[in-house]
Amino acid sequence: MNFKFVYKICTKSEWQEAKSKGQLTGSKKDLEDGYIHFSGDDQVAGTLQKFYKNQNDLILLKVDTLKLDHLVWEQASDGNMFPHLYSPLDISNVVDEFDIILNDDGNHVLPDIF
């Protein structure tokens, strides 16, 4: 697991709104849970499969963890540790963004970095 970066899956409209405000407060689920859900590099594919099946118009944000003061790794119900951010994400912490392609089979195609 790479601790230098975490990844946020969001819709392109959520990302556009965040860029206009200078910060990402998260999805509806993030707001309900009280933190922004992230994935480690080895968790992105599983998160897409579990929570975003057949959903298009997604973007993947690569976030530098060294600048995040309120990032906590917590155990999920499946026993895996996931990163959660207990504050809005300043968009200056996003170091890269990738379109997530949905292929004809309804599966997501990740960028080559995975």
Protein backbone atom coordinates (compact mmCIF):
# COMPACT_ATOMS: atom_id res chain seq x y z
CA MET A 1 0.00 0.00 0.00
CA ASN A 2 1.37 3.38 -0.98
CA PHE A 3 0.87 5.86 1.85
CA LYS A 4 2.18 8.89 -0.06
CA PHE A 5 -0.98 9.06 -2.18
CA VAL A 6 -4.63 8.18 -1.74
CA TYR A 7 -7.33 8.23 -4.38
CA LYS A 8 -10.82 9.71 -4.48
CA ILE A 9 -13.43 8.50 -6.93
CA CYS A 10 -16.03 11.13 -7.70
CA THR A 11 -18.29 12.26 -10.49
CA LYS A 12 -17.03 14.83 -12.93
CA SER A 13 -19.74 17.23 -11.76
CA GLU A 14 -18.61 16.86 -8.11
CA TRP A 15 -15.05 17.62 -9.20
CA GLN A 16 -16.10 20.65 -11.27
CA GLU A 17 -18.03 22.01 -8.28
CA ALA A 18 -15.02 21.42 -6.02
CA LYS A 19 -12.72 23.28 -8.40
CA SER A 20 -15.09 26.26 -8.42
CA LYS A 21 -15.18 26.31 -4.59
CA GLY A 22 -11.52 25.46 -4.02
CA GLN A 23 -12.38 22.40 -1.95
CA LEU A 24 -14.12 19.05 -2.17
CA THR A 25 -16.60 18.31 0.61
CA GLY A 26 -17.41 14.89 -0.80
CA SER A 27 -20.30 12.94 -2.20
CA LYS A 28 -23.71 12.53 -0.60
CA LYS A 29 -22.41 9.36 1.12
CA ASP A 30 -19.32 11.22 2.36
CA LEU A 31 -21.50 13.96 3.84
CA GLU A 32 -23.78 11.39 5.50
CA ASP A 33 -20.80 9.53 7.01
CA GLY A 34 -19.03 12.69 8.18
CA TYR A 35 -15.79 12.12 6.28
CA ILE A 36 -14.49 11.82 2.73
CA HIS A 37 -13.91 8.23 1.62
CA PHE A 38 -10.60 7.51 -0.11
CA SER A 39 -8.90 4.36 -1.37
CA GLY A 40 -5.31 3.24 -1.32
CA ASP A 41 -3.75 2.43 -4.67
CA ASP A 42 -4.47 -1.27 -4.20
CA GLN A 43 -8.12 -0.60 -3.26
CA VAL A 44 -9.35 1.55 -6.16
CA ALA A 45 -10.47 -1.33 -8.39
CA GLY A 46 -12.42 -2.98 -5.56
CA THR A 47 -14.06 0.30 -4.57
CA LEU A 48 -15.18 0.88 -8.16
CA GLN A 49 -16.59 -2.64 -8.37
CA LYS A 50 -18.43 -2.43 -5.04
CA PHE A 51 -19.82 1.11 -5.09
CA TYR A 52 -19.74 2.35 -8.71
CA LYS A 53 -20.72 -0.65 -10.84
CA ASN A 54 -21.88 0.44 -14.32
CA GLN A 55 -21.55 4.13 -13.40
CA ASN A 56 -19.91 6.39 -15.97
CA ASP A 57 -18.83 10.04 -15.79
CA LEU A 58 -16.32 9.25 -13.04
CA ILE A 59 -12.95 10.77 -12.33
CA LEU A 60 -10.12 9.54 -10.13
CA LEU A 61 -8.23 12.09 -8.06
CA LYS A 62 -4.68 11.38 -6.89
CA VAL A 63 -4.15 13.14 -3.57
CA ASP A 64 -0.88 13.86 -1.75
CA THR A 65 -1.25 12.56 1.83
CA LEU A 66 1.67 14.57 3.19
CA LYS A 67 -0.46 17.71 3.16
CA LEU A 68 -3.54 16.18 4.83
CA ASP A 69 -3.80 16.83 8.56
CA HIS A 70 -7.04 14.98 9.20
CA LEU A 71 -6.48 11.74 7.27
CA VAL A 72 -7.15 8.61 9.32
CA TRP A 73 -6.86 4.97 8.26
CA GLU A 74 -9.79 3.05 9.71
CA GLN A 75 -10.96 -0.52 9.54
CA ALA A 76 -13.96 -1.23 7.34
CA SER A 77 -16.52 -3.97 7.98
CA ASP A 78 -14.55 -6.30 5.68
CA GLY A 79 -11.42 -5.89 7.84
CA ASN A 80 -9.49 -3.74 5.35
CA MET A 81 -8.03 -0.39 6.35
CA PHE A 82 -9.31 2.59 4.36
CA PRO A 83 -8.28 6.26 4.43
CA HIS A 84 -10.90 8.77 5.60
CA LEU A 85 -10.51 12.53 5.63
CA TYR A 86 -12.32 14.37 8.42
CA SER A 87 -12.19 17.76 6.75
CA PRO A 88 -12.83 19.20 3.29
CA LEU A 89 -10.15 18.42 0.71
CA ASP A 90 -8.35 21.52 -0.52
CA ILE A 91 -8.01 21.05 -4.26
CA SER A 92 -4.35 22.10 -4.12
CA ASN A 93 -3.68 18.65 -2.60
CA VAL A 94 -4.86 16.94 -5.79
CA VAL A 95 -1.73 16.18 -7.81
CA ASP A 96 -3.38 14.44 -10.75
CA GLU A 97 -6.77 13.50 -12.15
CA PHE A 98 -7.76 10.64 -14.43
CA ASP A 99 -10.92 9.90 -16.38
CA ILE A 100 -12.31 6.47 -15.52
CA ILE A 101 -13.56 4.74 -18.66
CA LEU A 102 -16.56 2.42 -18.57
CA ASN A 103 -16.14 -0.32 -21.18
CA ASP A 104 -18.90 -2.11 -23.09
CA ASP A 105 -19.05 -4.85 -20.44
CA GLY A 106 -19.86 -2.31 -17.72
CA ASN A 107 -16.42 -2.58 -16.13
CA HIS A 108 -14.20 0.36 -15.34
CA VAL A 109 -10.85 0.74 -17.03
CA LEU A 110 -8.24 2.28 -14.76
CA PRO A 111 -5.33 4.39 -15.96
CA ASP A 112 -2.03 2.67 -16.65
CA ILE A 113 -0.61 3.69 -13.26
CA PHE A 114 -2.61 0.83 -11.71
